[in-house]
């Protein structure tokens, strides 16, 4: 019996590894006869695995989707990958945190000790966010509309009229979920926060997918969040000399460029939405600095200095 059980597990692992398996090839890989392969397939079917027979000159087998979830078999790398994914899912904000935590507990319990030790070293801490989480049912509804290429209607934030869009991509960025879609009423691309929308049913007619600006959704989002016109760069970009070590600035420079100039000086090139926003962003380094350019950044520093000075006088 132990030999038969081990052979069944090997057969199941092979069936999960690729779509179709000729019976003769399975027999060769397992070093058994085609008749034994047929008997083992019947045993797996009795355990709940939906294995279909493939007709043809050679014949073969395929593991199909079933009505119920039978026991699954993973190799070491797959088991660790699944556990890591579930650990990260507990902090995803996708409304599946509790279910992911339960699934992780289930997976961990059946793991060999050597694998449990590997995944136990991965600890992910969720930092509380002000923004609300996303309902997993909403994510599934949006994903279904994207996959089916069907026009979607939804109520958005505090707007009186529902929006009509062609949904193209469901993406996550910075802990938030977004729907990238073509707005039919505004004839333009839009990015919607998923936690602010409520889908309406039923969905509308099917549509032919459009090409996302920039060629792919990643480039589109970079441009959109940078407020750029398609170049992928910030609309405002300036340069300063900071009286700080480069090592102190680098962790907070985001996509900026930091160049060490000496023991306690560095050059920082940084971008932002506007010149005032860039000046305020640079002020958070709490160090003396000199603006290298451009002139718009110097003017923004002057404007902010006056604004802060007037604010301090109002308290006196």
C-alpha atoms as a PDB file:
ATOM      1  CA  UNK A   1       0.000   0.000   0.000  1.00  0.00           C
ATOM      2  CA  UNK A   2       2.719   2.619   0.822  1.00  0.00           C
ATOM      3  CA  UNK A   3       4.227   2.008  -2.622  1.00  0.00           C
ATOM      4  CA  UNK A   4       0.810   2.483  -4.263  1.00  0.00           C
ATOM      5  CA  UNK A   5       0.151   5.697  -2.309  1.00  0.00           C
ATOM      6  CA  UNK A   6       3.509   7.131  -3.294  1.00  0.00           C
ATOM      7  CA  UNK A   7       2.816   6.244  -6.914  1.00  0.00           C
ATOM      8  CA  UNK A   8      -0.601   7.965  -6.787  1.00  0.00           C
ATOM      9  CA  UNK A   9       1.026  11.127  -5.462  1.00  0.00           C
ATOM     10  CA  UNK A  10       3.620  10.993  -8.236  1.00  0.00           C
ATOM     11  CA  UNK A  11       0.875  10.508 -10.835  1.00  0.00           C
ATOM     12  CA  UNK A  12      -1.113  13.445  -9.423  1.00  0.00           C
ATOM     13  CA  UNK A  13       1.977  15.654  -9.460  1.00  0.00           C
ATOM     14  CA  UNK A  14       2.580  14.847 -13.133  1.00  0.00           C
ATOM     15  CA  UNK A  15      -1.057  15.546 -14.066  1.00  0.00           C
ATOM     16  CA  UNK A  16      -0.834  18.962 -12.374  1.00  0.00           C
ATOM     17  CA  UNK A  17       2.391  19.846 -14.182  1.00  0.00           C
ATOM     18  CA  UNK A  18       0.972  20.014 -17.720  1.00  0.00           C
ATOM     19  CA  UNK A  19      -2.371  19.995 -19.500  1.00  0.00           C
ATOM     20  CA  UNK A  20      -2.341  16.694 -21.431  1.00  0.00           C
ATOM     21  CA  UNK A  21      -0.422  13.488 -20.766  1.00  0.00           C
ATOM     22  CA  UNK A  22      -0.287  10.525 -23.186  1.00  0.00           C
ATOM     23  CA  UNK A  23      -0.912   7.314 -21.255  1.00  0.00           C
ATOM     24  CA  UNK A  24       2.261   5.697 -22.598  1.00  0.00           C
ATOM     25  CA  UNK A  25       4.372   8.645 -21.427  1.00  0.00           C
ATOM     26  CA  UNK A  26       2.857   8.488 -17.926  1.00  0.00           C
ATOM     27  CA  UNK A  27       3.622   4.785 -17.772  1.00  0.00           C
ATOM     28  CA  UNK A  28       7.214   5.451 -18.840  1.00  0.00           C
ATOM     29  CA  UNK A  29       7.711   8.273 -16.309  1.00  0.00           C
ATOM     30  CA  UNK A  30       6.303   6.177 -13.448  1.00  0.00           C
ATOM     31  CA  UNK A  31       7.940   2.923 -14.635  1.00  0.00           C
ATOM     32  CA  UNK A  32       4.649   1.049 -14.589  1.00  0.00           C
ATOM     33  CA  UNK A  33       2.385  -0.567 -17.193  1.00  0.00           C
ATOM     34  CA  UNK A  34      -0.384   1.325 -19.046  1.00  0.00           C
ATOM     35  CA  UNK A  35      -2.888  -0.929 -17.266  1.00  0.00           C
ATOM     36  CA  UNK A  36      -1.565   0.192 -13.867  1.00  0.00           C
ATOM     37  CA  UNK A  37      -1.844   3.799 -15.020  1.00  0.00           C
ATOM     38  CA  UNK A  38      -5.531   3.228 -15.784  1.00  0.00           C
ATOM     39  CA  UNK A  39      -6.126   1.673 -12.359  1.00  0.00           C
ATOM     40  CA  UNK A  40      -4.323   4.530 -10.596  1.00  0.00           C
ATOM     41  CA  UNK A  41      -6.343   7.107 -12.547  1.00  0.00           C
ATOM     42  CA  UNK A  42      -9.537   5.362 -11.404  1.00  0.00           C
ATOM     43  CA  UNK A  43      -8.327   5.547  -7.778  1.00  0.00           C
ATOM     44  CA  UNK A  44      -7.684   9.294  -8.102  1.00  0.00           C
ATOM     45  CA  UNK A  45     -11.163   9.750  -9.565  1.00  0.00           C
ATOM     46  CA  UNK A  46     -12.627   7.988  -6.518  1.00  0.00           C
ATOM     47  CA  UNK A  47     -10.765  10.510  -4.332  1.00  0.00           C
ATOM     48  CA  UNK A  48     -12.481  13.378  -6.151  1.00  0.00           C
ATOM     49  CA  UNK A  49      -9.981  14.343  -8.843  1.00  0.00           C
ATOM     50  CA  UNK A  50     -11.763  15.067 -12.171  1.00  0.00           C
ATOM     51  CA  UNK A  51      -9.437  13.310 -14.601  1.00  0.00           C
ATOM     52  CA  UNK A  52     -10.715  13.178 -18.177  1.00  0.00           C
ATOM     53  CA  UNK A  53      -9.666  10.567 -20.721  1.00  0.00           C
ATOM     54  CA  UNK A  54      -8.287  11.952 -24.009  1.00  0.00           C
ATOM     55  CA  UNK A  55      -9.336  10.098 -27.123  1.00  0.00           C
ATOM     56  CA  UNK A  56      -6.919   9.515 -29.968  1.00  0.00           C
ATOM     57  CA  UNK A  57      -4.326   7.108 -31.340  1.00  0.00           C
ATOM     58  CA  UNK A  58      -2.185   7.299 -28.205  1.00  0.00           C
ATOM     59  CA  UNK A  59      -4.879   8.109 -25.656  1.00  0.00           C
ATOM     60  CA  UNK A  60      -4.111  10.047 -22.524  1.00  0.00           C
ATOM     61  CA  UNK A  61      -5.377  11.950 -19.487  1.00  0.00           C
ATOM     62  CA  UNK A  62      -6.112  15.498 -18.401  1.00  0.00           C
ATOM     63  CA  UNK A  63      -6.790  16.931 -14.939  1.00  0.00           C
ATOM     64  CA  UNK A  64      -9.883  19.123 -15.332  1.00  0.00           C
ATOM     65  CA  UNK A  65     -11.640  21.548 -13.012  1.00  0.00           C
ATOM     66  CA  UNK A  66     -14.215  19.890 -10.779  1.00  0.00           C
ATOM     67  CA  UNK A  67     -17.293  20.807  -8.766  1.00  0.00           C
ATOM     68  CA  UNK A  68     -15.420  20.442  -5.472  1.00  0.00           C
ATOM     69  CA  UNK A  69     -11.872  21.158  -4.338  1.00  0.00           C
ATOM     70  CA  UNK A  70     -10.013  17.872  -3.812  1.00  0.00           C
ATOM     71  CA  UNK A  71      -6.716  17.606  -1.928  1.00  0.00           C
ATOM     72  CA  UNK A  72      -3.886  19.376  -3.748  1.00  0.00           C
ATOM     73  CA  UNK A  73      -0.260  18.416  -4.107  1.00  0.00           C
ATOM     74  CA  UNK A  74       2.592  20.945  -4.172  1.00  0.00           C
ATOM     75  CA  UNK A  75       6.329  20.549  -4.435  1.00  0.00           C
ATOM     76  CA  UNK A  76       8.530  22.395  -1.936  1.00  0.00           C
ATOM     77  CA  UNK A  77       8.937  25.558  -4.024  1.00  0.00           C
ATOM     78  CA  UNK A  78       5.224  25.762  -4.811  1.00  0.00           C
ATOM     79  CA  UNK A  79       4.290  25.294  -1.143  1.00  0.00           C
ATOM     80  CA  UNK A  80       6.635  28.066  -0.004  1.00  0.00           C
ATOM     81  CA  UNK A  81       5.431  30.381  -2.793  1.00  0.00           C
ATOM     82  CA  UNK A  82       1.807  29.771  -1.769  1.00  0.00           C
ATOM     83  CA  UNK A  83       2.565  30.495   1.875  1.00  0.00           C
ATOM     84  CA  UNK A  84       4.423  33.716   1.029  1.00  0.00           C
ATOM     85  CA  UNK A  85       1.554  34.868  -1.213  1.00  0.00           C
ATOM     86  CA  UNK A  86      -0.977  34.190   1.555  1.00  0.00           C
ATOM     87  CA  UNK A  87       1.185  36.037   4.081  1.00  0.00           C
ATOM     88  CA  UNK A  88       1.288  39.112   1.829  1.00  0.00           C
ATOM     89  CA  UNK A  89      -2.449  38.788   1.088  1.00  0.00           C
ATOM     90  CA  UNK A  90      -3.207  39.345   4.777  1.00  0.00           C
ATOM     91  CA  UNK A  91      -2.025  42.960   4.311  1.00  0.00           C
ATOM     92  CA  UNK A  92      -3.386  43.557   0.791  1.00  0.00           C
ATOM     93  CA  UNK A  93      -6.468  45.602   1.637  1.00  0.00           C
ATOM     94  CA  UNK A  94      -8.458  43.467  -0.814  1.00  0.00           C
ATOM     95  CA  UNK A  95     -11.053  42.338   1.706  1.00  0.00           C
ATOM     96  CA  UNK A  96      -9.619  38.810   1.912  1.00  0.00           C
ATOM     97  CA  UNK A  97      -7.329  39.288   4.916  1.00  0.00           C
ATOM     98  CA  UNK A  98      -9.208  36.980   7.295  1.00  0.00           C
ATOM     99  CA  UNK A  99      -9.666  34.238   4.701  1.00  0.00           C
ATOM    100  CA  UNK A 100      -5.990  34.485   3.710  1.00  0.00           C
ATOM    101  CA  UNK A 101      -4.921  34.150   7.353  1.00  0.00           C
ATOM    102  CA  UNK A 102      -7.068  31.020   7.763  1.00  0.00           C
ATOM    103  CA  UNK A 103      -5.717  29.541   4.542  1.00  0.00           C
ATOM    104  CA  UNK A 104      -2.149  30.244   5.651  1.00  0.00           C
ATOM    105  CA  UNK A 105      -2.783  28.438   8.935  1.00  0.00           C
ATOM    106  CA  UNK A 106      -4.185  25.437   7.045  1.00  0.00           C
ATOM    107  CA  UNK A 107      -1.252  25.294   4.633  1.00  0.00           C
ATOM    108  CA  UNK A 108       1.294  25.666   7.430  1.00  0.00           C
ATOM    109  CA  UNK A 109      -0.202  22.825   9.468  1.00  0.00           C
ATOM    110  CA  UNK A 110       0.372  20.254   6.721  1.00  0.00           C
ATOM    111  CA  UNK A 111       3.857  21.449   5.795  1.00  0.00           C
ATOM    112  CA  UNK A 112       6.972  19.478   6.724  1.00  0.00           C
ATOM    113  CA  UNK A 113       8.986  21.056   9.524  1.00  0.00           C
ATOM    114  CA  UNK A 114      11.754  22.130   7.131  1.00  0.00           C
ATOM    115  CA  UNK A 115       9.276  24.213   5.113  1.00  0.00           C
ATOM    116  CA  UNK A 116       7.496  25.647   8.164  1.00  0.00           C
ATOM    117  CA  UNK A 117      10.817  27.004   9.387  1.00  0.00           C
ATOM    118  CA  UNK A 118      11.336  28.771   6.046  1.00  0.00           C
ATOM    119  CA  UNK A 119       7.981  30.535   5.944  1.00  0.00           C
ATOM    120  CA  UNK A 120       8.009  31.384   9.665  1.00  0.00           C
ATOM    121  CA  UNK A 121      11.000  33.642   9.033  1.00  0.00           C
ATOM    122  CA  UNK A 122       8.815  35.869   6.827  1.00  0.00           C
ATOM    123  CA  UNK A 123       6.926  38.318   9.014  1.00  0.00           C
ATOM    124  CA  UNK A 124       4.863  41.049   7.353  1.00  0.00           C
ATOM    125  CA  UNK A 125       3.575  43.916   9.472  1.00  0.00           C
ATOM    126  CA  UNK A 126       0.527  45.803   8.227  1.00  0.00           C
ATOM    127  CA  UNK A 127       0.766  49.531   8.929  1.00  0.00           C
ATOM    128  CA  UNK A 128      -2.688  50.995   9.565  1.00  0.00           C
ATOM    129  CA  UNK A 129      -3.909  53.185   6.712  1.00  0.00           C
ATOM    130  CA  UNK A 130      -6.423  55.992   6.773  1.00  0.00           C
ATOM    131  CA  UNK A 131      -8.055  54.836   3.544  1.00  0.00           C
ATOM    132  CA  UNK A 132     -10.738  52.135   3.760  1.00  0.00           C
ATOM    133  CA  UNK A 133     -10.215  48.614   2.494  1.00  0.00           C
ATOM    134  CA  UNK A 134     -11.814  47.223  -0.650  1.00  0.00           C
ATOM    135  CA  UNK A 135     -14.681  44.750  -0.661  1.00  0.00           C
ATOM    136  CA  UNK A 136     -13.532  41.509  -2.302  1.00  0.00           C
ATOM    137  CA  UNK A 137     -16.948  41.194  -3.978  1.00  0.00           C
ATOM    138  CA  UNK A 138     -16.377  44.525  -5.726  1.00  0.00           C
ATOM    139  CA  UNK A 139     -12.944  43.386  -6.899  1.00  0.00           C
ATOM    140  CA  UNK A 140     -14.434  40.198  -8.338  1.00  0.00           C
ATOM    141  CA  UNK A 141     -17.230  42.127 -10.086  1.00  0.00           C
ATOM    142  CA  UNK A 142     -14.773  44.551 -11.661  1.00  0.00           C
ATOM    143  CA  UNK A 143     -12.415  41.761 -12.660  1.00  0.00           C
ATOM    144  CA  UNK A 144     -15.285  39.888 -14.311  1.00  0.00           C
ATOM    145  CA  UNK A 145     -16.253  42.976 -16.336  1.00  0.00           C
ATOM    146  CA  UNK A 146     -12.628  43.494 -17.418  1.00  0.00           C
ATOM    147  CA  UNK A 147     -12.317  39.857 -18.464  1.00  0.00           C
ATOM    148  CA  UNK A 148     -15.652  39.817 -20.331  1.00  0.00           C
ATOM    149  CA  UNK A 149     -14.950  43.237 -21.931  1.00  0.00           C
ATOM    150  CA  UNK A 150     -18.378  44.496 -20.942  1.00  0.00           C
ATOM    151  CA  UNK A 151     -19.376  48.117 -20.356  1.00  0.00           C
ATOM    152  CA  UNK A 152     -19.581  48.839 -16.639  1.00  0.00           C
ATOM    153  CA  UNK A 153     -21.861  51.252 -14.790  1.00  0.00           C
ATOM    154  CA  UNK A 154     -21.117  52.331 -11.237  1.00  0.00           C
ATOM    155  CA  UNK A 155     -21.812  54.988  -8.635  1.00  0.00           C
ATOM    156  CA  UNK A 156     -18.644  56.904  -7.819  1.00  0.00           C
ATOM    157  CA  UNK A 157     -17.832  58.786  -4.617  1.00  0.00           C
ATOM    158  CA  UNK A 158     -20.404  61.573  -4.098  1.00  0.00           C
ATOM    159  CA  UNK A 159     -21.255  62.136  -7.741  1.00  0.00           C
ATOM    160  CA  UNK A 160     -24.957  62.330  -8.581  1.00  0.00           C
ATOM    161  CA  UNK A 161     -24.794  60.581 -11.952  1.00  0.00           C
ATOM    162  CA  UNK A 162     -23.456  57.054 -12.449  1.00  0.00           C
ATOM    163  CA  UNK A 163     -20.349  56.585 -14.585  1.00  0.00           C
ATOM    164  CA  UNK A 164     -20.257  54.483 -17.772  1.00  0.00           C
ATOM    165  CA  UNK A 165     -16.878  53.053 -18.699  1.00  0.00           C
ATOM    166  CA  UNK A 166     -15.080  50.406 -20.690  1.00  0.00           C
ATOM    167  CA  UNK A 167     -13.043  48.667 -17.941  1.00  0.00           C
ATOM    168  CA  UNK A 168      -9.552  47.693 -19.096  1.00  0.00           C
ATOM    169  CA  UNK A 169      -7.360  46.980 -16.071  1.00  0.00           C
ATOM    170  CA  UNK A 170      -7.702  46.385 -12.333  1.00  0.00           C
ATOM    171  CA  UNK A 171      -4.445  47.388 -10.643  1.00  0.00           C
ATOM    172  CA  UNK A 172      -3.004  47.944  -7.186  1.00  0.00           C
ATOM    173  CA  UNK A 173      -0.560  50.732  -6.348  1.00  0.00           C
ATOM    174  CA  UNK A 174       0.658  52.007  -3.002  1.00  0.00           C
ATOM    175  CA  UNK A 175      -1.820  49.904  -1.034  1.00  0.00           C
ATOM    176  CA  UNK A 176      -4.830  51.085  -3.049  1.00  0.00           C
ATOM    177  CA  UNK A 177      -6.830  49.448  -5.838  1.00  0.00           C
ATOM    178  CA  UNK A 178      -7.634  51.313  -9.061  1.00  0.00           C
ATOM    179  CA  UNK A 179      -9.759  50.681 -12.134  1.00  0.00           C
ATOM    180  CA  UNK A 180      -8.228  51.933 -15.390  1.00  0.00           C
ATOM    181  CA  UNK A 181     -11.033  52.540 -17.878  1.00  0.00           C
ATOM    182  CA  UNK A 182     -12.198  54.492 -20.917  1.00  0.00           C
ATOM    183  CA  UNK A 183     -14.908  56.919 -19.751  1.00  0.00           C
ATOM    184  CA  UNK A 184     -17.674  56.792 -22.362  1.00  0.00           C
ATOM    185  CA  UNK A 185     -19.314  60.081 -21.325  1.00  0.00           C
ATOM    186  CA  UNK A 186     -16.050  62.046 -21.197  1.00  0.00           C
ATOM    187  CA  UNK A 187     -14.375  60.268 -24.122  1.00  0.00           C
ATOM    188  CA  UNK A 188     -11.093  59.966 -22.220  1.00  0.00           C
ATOM    189  CA  UNK A 189      -9.079  57.587 -20.069  1.00  0.00           C
ATOM    190  CA  UNK A 190      -9.750  57.736 -16.328  1.00  0.00           C
ATOM    191  CA  UNK A 191      -8.395  56.096 -13.177  1.00  0.00           C
ATOM    192  CA  UNK A 192     -10.963  55.339 -10.449  1.00  0.00           C
ATOM    193  CA  UNK A 193     -10.324  54.363  -6.841  1.00  0.00           C
ATOM    194  CA  UNK A 194     -12.068  51.049  -6.247  1.00  0.00           C
ATOM    195  CA  UNK A 195     -12.945  51.817  -2.619  1.00  0.00           C
ATOM    196  CA  UNK A 196     -15.022  54.772  -3.848  1.00  0.00           C
ATOM    197  CA  UNK A 197     -17.175  52.969  -6.418  1.00  0.00           C
ATOM    198  CA  UNK A 198     -20.230  50.716  -6.256  1.00  0.00           C
ATOM    199  CA  UNK A 199     -20.882  48.610  -9.383  1.00  0.00           C
ATOM    200  CA  UNK A 200     -24.361  48.510 -10.885  1.00  0.00           C
ATOM    201  CA  UNK A 201     -25.911  45.466 -12.516  1.00  0.00           C
ATOM    202  CA  UNK A 202     -26.335  44.257 -15.121  1.00  0.00           C
ATOM    203  CA  UNK A 203     -23.244  45.121 -17.124  1.00  0.00           C
ATOM    204  CA  UNK A 204     -23.613  46.614 -20.582  1.00  0.00           C
ATOM    205  CA  UNK A 205     -22.694  45.426 -24.090  1.00  0.00           C
ATOM    206  CA  UNK A 206     -19.298  44.036 -25.040  1.00  0.00           C
ATOM    207  CA  UNK A 207     -16.646  46.387 -26.410  1.00  0.00           C
ATOM    208  CA  UNK A 208     -13.481  46.137 -28.455  1.00  0.00           C
ATOM    209  CA  UNK A 209     -10.469  46.912 -26.232  1.00  0.00           C
ATOM    210  CA  UNK A 210      -8.585  50.163 -26.892  1.00  0.00           C
ATOM    211  CA  UNK A 211      -4.845  50.652 -26.618  1.00  0.00           C
ATOM    212  CA  UNK A 212      -3.882  52.158 -23.277  1.00  0.00           C
ATOM    213  CA  UNK A 213      -1.904  55.420 -23.611  1.00  0.00           C
ATOM    214  CA  UNK A 214       1.821  54.778 -23.331  1.00  0.00           C
ATOM    215  CA  UNK A 215       1.469  51.255 -24.693  1.00  0.00           C
ATOM    216  CA  UNK A 216       0.861  49.487 -21.366  1.00  0.00           C
ATOM    217  CA  UNK A 217      -0.947  50.083 -18.096  1.00  0.00           C
ATOM    218  CA  UNK A 218       2.277  50.508 -16.074  1.00  0.00           C
ATOM    219  CA  UNK A 219       3.481  53.409 -18.251  1.00  0.00           C
ATOM    220  CA  UNK A 220       0.005  54.927 -18.214  1.00  0.00           C
ATOM    221  CA  UNK A 221      -0.170  54.888 -14.411  1.00  0.00           C
ATOM    222  CA  UNK A 222       3.312  56.377 -14.028  1.00  0.00           C
ATOM    223  CA  UNK A 223       2.312  59.237 -16.310  1.00  0.00           C
ATOM    224  CA  UNK A 224      -1.057  59.724 -14.643  1.00  0.00           C
ATOM    225  CA  UNK A 225       0.260  59.804 -11.085  1.00  0.00           C
ATOM    226  CA  UNK A 226       3.130  62.047 -12.116  1.00  0.00           C
ATOM    227  CA  UNK A 227       0.697  64.433 -13.755  1.00  0.00           C
ATOM    228  CA  UNK A 228       2.763  64.179 -16.946  1.00  0.00           C
ATOM    229  CA  UNK A 229       1.802  64.368 -20.583  1.00  0.00           C
ATOM    230  CA  UNK A 230       3.167  60.986 -21.620  1.00  0.00           C
ATOM    231  CA  UNK A 231       6.906  61.345 -21.061  1.00  0.00           C
ATOM    232  CA  UNK A 232       6.828  59.575 -17.693  1.00  0.00           C
ATOM    233  CA  UNK A 233       8.548  62.567 -16.029  1.00  0.00           C
ATOM    234  CA  UNK A 234       7.251  64.889 -13.337  1.00  0.00           C
ATOM    235  CA  UNK A 235       5.958  68.199 -14.751  1.00  0.00           C
ATOM    236  CA  UNK A 236       8.184  70.087 -12.279  1.00  0.00           C
ATOM    237  CA  UNK A 237      11.743  68.989 -11.584  1.00  0.00           C
ATOM    238  CA  UNK A 238      14.379  70.915  -9.660  1.00  0.00           C
ATOM    239  CA  UNK A 239      17.864  70.625  -8.192  1.00  0.00           C
ATOM    240  CA  UNK A 240      19.203  71.627  -4.771  1.00  0.00           C
ATOM    241  CA  UNK A 241      22.378  71.252  -2.700  1.00  0.00           C
ATOM    242  CA  UNK A 242      21.560  69.854   0.760  1.00  0.00           C
ATOM    243  CA  UNK A 243      23.747  70.071   3.861  1.00  0.00           C
ATOM    244  CA  UNK A 244      23.189  66.385   4.554  1.00  0.00           C
ATOM    245  CA  UNK A 245      25.011  63.170   3.838  1.00  0.00           C
ATOM    246  CA  UNK A 246      23.799  61.357   0.746  1.00  0.00           C
ATOM    247  CA  UNK A 247      23.118  58.255   2.849  1.00  0.00           C
ATOM    248  CA  UNK A 248      20.615  60.240   4.948  1.00  0.00           C
ATOM    249  CA  UNK A 249      18.763  61.539   1.877  1.00  0.00           C
ATOM    250  CA  UNK A 250      18.593  58.411  -0.296  1.00  0.00           C
ATOM    251  CA  UNK A 251      15.932  56.527   1.715  1.00  0.00           C
ATOM    252  CA  UNK A 252      13.500  59.430   1.251  1.00  0.00           C
ATOM    253  CA  UNK A 253      14.342  60.535  -2.291  1.00  0.00           C
ATOM    254  CA  UNK A 254      11.783  58.227  -3.983  1.00  0.00           C
ATOM    255  CA  UNK A 255      12.571  58.402  -7.708  1.00  0.00           C
ATOM    256  CA  UNK A 256      14.964  61.343  -7.251  1.00  0.00           C
ATOM    257  CA  UNK A 257      18.696  61.344  -8.007  1.00  0.00           C
ATOM    258  CA  UNK A 258      21.140  61.786  -5.105  1.00  0.00           C
ATOM    259  CA  UNK A 259      24.828  62.607  -5.652  1.00  0.00           C
ATOM    260  CA  UNK A 260      27.351  62.780  -2.814  1.00  0.00           C
ATOM    261  CA  UNK A 261      29.395  66.011  -2.821  1.00  0.00           C
ATOM    262  CA  UNK A 262      31.285  65.641   0.443  1.00  0.00           C
ATOM    263  CA  UNK A 263      31.070  64.326   4.003  1.00  0.00           C
ATOM    264  CA  UNK A 264      27.952  66.394   4.787  1.00  0.00           C
ATOM    265  CA  UNK A 265      26.716  67.663   1.414  1.00  0.00           C
ATOM    266  CA  UNK A 266      24.837  66.135  -1.488  1.00  0.00           C
ATOM    267  CA  UNK A 267      23.033  67.118  -4.666  1.00  0.00           C
ATOM    268  CA  UNK A 268      19.368  66.137  -5.017  1.00  0.00           C
ATOM    269  CA  UNK A 269      17.285  66.246  -8.203  1.00  0.00           C
ATOM    270  CA  UNK A 270      13.613  65.671  -7.439  1.00  0.00           C
ATOM    271  CA  UNK A 271      10.252  66.022  -9.176  1.00  0.00           C
ATOM    272  CA  UNK A 272       6.690  66.818  -8.153  1.00  0.00           C
ATOM    273  CA  UNK A 273       3.270  67.968  -9.351  1.00  0.00           C
ATOM    274  CA  UNK A 274       3.981  71.689  -8.931  1.00  0.00           C
ATOM    275  CA  UNK A 275       6.837  74.002  -7.952  1.00  0.00           C
ATOM    276  CA  UNK A 276       5.257  74.833  -4.594  1.00  0.00           C
ATOM    277  CA  UNK A 277       4.694  71.153  -3.866  1.00  0.00           C
ATOM    278  CA  UNK A 278       8.330  70.449  -4.760  1.00  0.00           C
ATOM    279  CA  UNK A 279       9.575  73.250  -2.493  1.00  0.00           C
ATOM    280  CA  UNK A 280       7.467  71.948   0.388  1.00  0.00           C
ATOM    281  CA  UNK A 281       8.700  68.402  -0.266  1.00  0.00           C
ATOM    282  CA  UNK A 282      12.321  69.525  -0.098  1.00  0.00           C
ATOM    283  CA  UNK A 283      11.657  71.360   3.169  1.00  0.00           C
ATOM    284  CA  UNK A 284      10.962  68.091   4.956  1.00  0.00           C
ATOM    285  CA  UNK A 285      14.684  67.278   4.949  1.00  0.00           C
ATOM    286  CA  UNK A 286      15.084  69.875   7.732  1.00  0.00           C
ATOM    287  CA  UNK A 287      18.515  71.072   6.591  1.00  0.00           C
ATOM    288  CA  UNK A 288      20.082  74.128   5.001  1.00  0.00           C
ATOM    289  CA  UNK A 289      19.980  74.003   1.206  1.00  0.00           C
ATOM    290  CA  UNK A 290      20.730  76.054  -1.890  1.00  0.00           C
ATOM    291  CA  UNK A 291      18.582  76.000  -4.995  1.00  0.00           C
ATOM    292  CA  UNK A 292      20.583  75.234  -8.132  1.00  0.00           C
ATOM    293  CA  UNK A 293      17.614  75.647 -10.444  1.00  0.00           C
ATOM    294  CA  UNK A 294      15.406  76.364 -12.146  1.00  0.00           C
ATOM    295  CA  UNK A 295      14.156  79.860 -11.317  1.00  0.00           C
ATOM    296  CA  UNK A 296      10.612  78.551 -10.771  1.00  0.00           C
ATOM    297  CA  UNK A 297      11.831  76.531  -7.792  1.00  0.00           C
ATOM    298  CA  UNK A 298      13.520  79.604  -6.252  1.00  0.00           C
ATOM    299  CA  UNK A 299      10.282  81.569  -6.666  1.00  0.00           C
ATOM    300  CA  UNK A 300       8.341  78.758  -4.986  1.00  0.00           C
ATOM    301  CA  UNK A 301      10.754  78.859  -2.013  1.00  0.00           C
ATOM    302  CA  UNK A 302      10.202  82.616  -1.711  1.00  0.00           C
ATOM    303  CA  UNK A 303       6.438  82.186  -1.887  1.00  0.00           C
ATOM    304  CA  UNK A 304       6.436  79.497   0.786  1.00  0.00           C
ATOM    305  CA  UNK A 305       8.794  81.481   3.031  1.00  0.00           C
ATOM    306  CA  UNK A 306       6.398  84.449   2.991  1.00  0.00           C
ATOM    307  CA  UNK A 307       3.408  82.210   3.599  1.00  0.00           C
ATOM    308  CA  UNK A 308       5.043  80.491   6.561  1.00  0.00           C
ATOM    309  CA  UNK A 309       6.225  83.795   8.012  1.00  0.00           C
ATOM    310  CA  UNK A 310       2.737  85.279   7.846  1.00  0.00           C
ATOM    311  CA  UNK A 311       1.339  82.132   9.452  1.00  0.00           C
ATOM    312  CA  UNK A 312       3.781  82.448  12.359  1.00  0.00           C
ATOM    313  CA  UNK A 313       2.889  86.159  12.866  1.00  0.00           C
ATOM    314  CA  UNK A 314      -0.795  85.292  13.140  1.00  0.00           C
ATOM    315  CA  UNK A 315      -0.002  83.270  16.269  1.00  0.00           C
ATOM    316  CA  UNK A 316       1.671  86.167  18.066  1.00  0.00           C
END
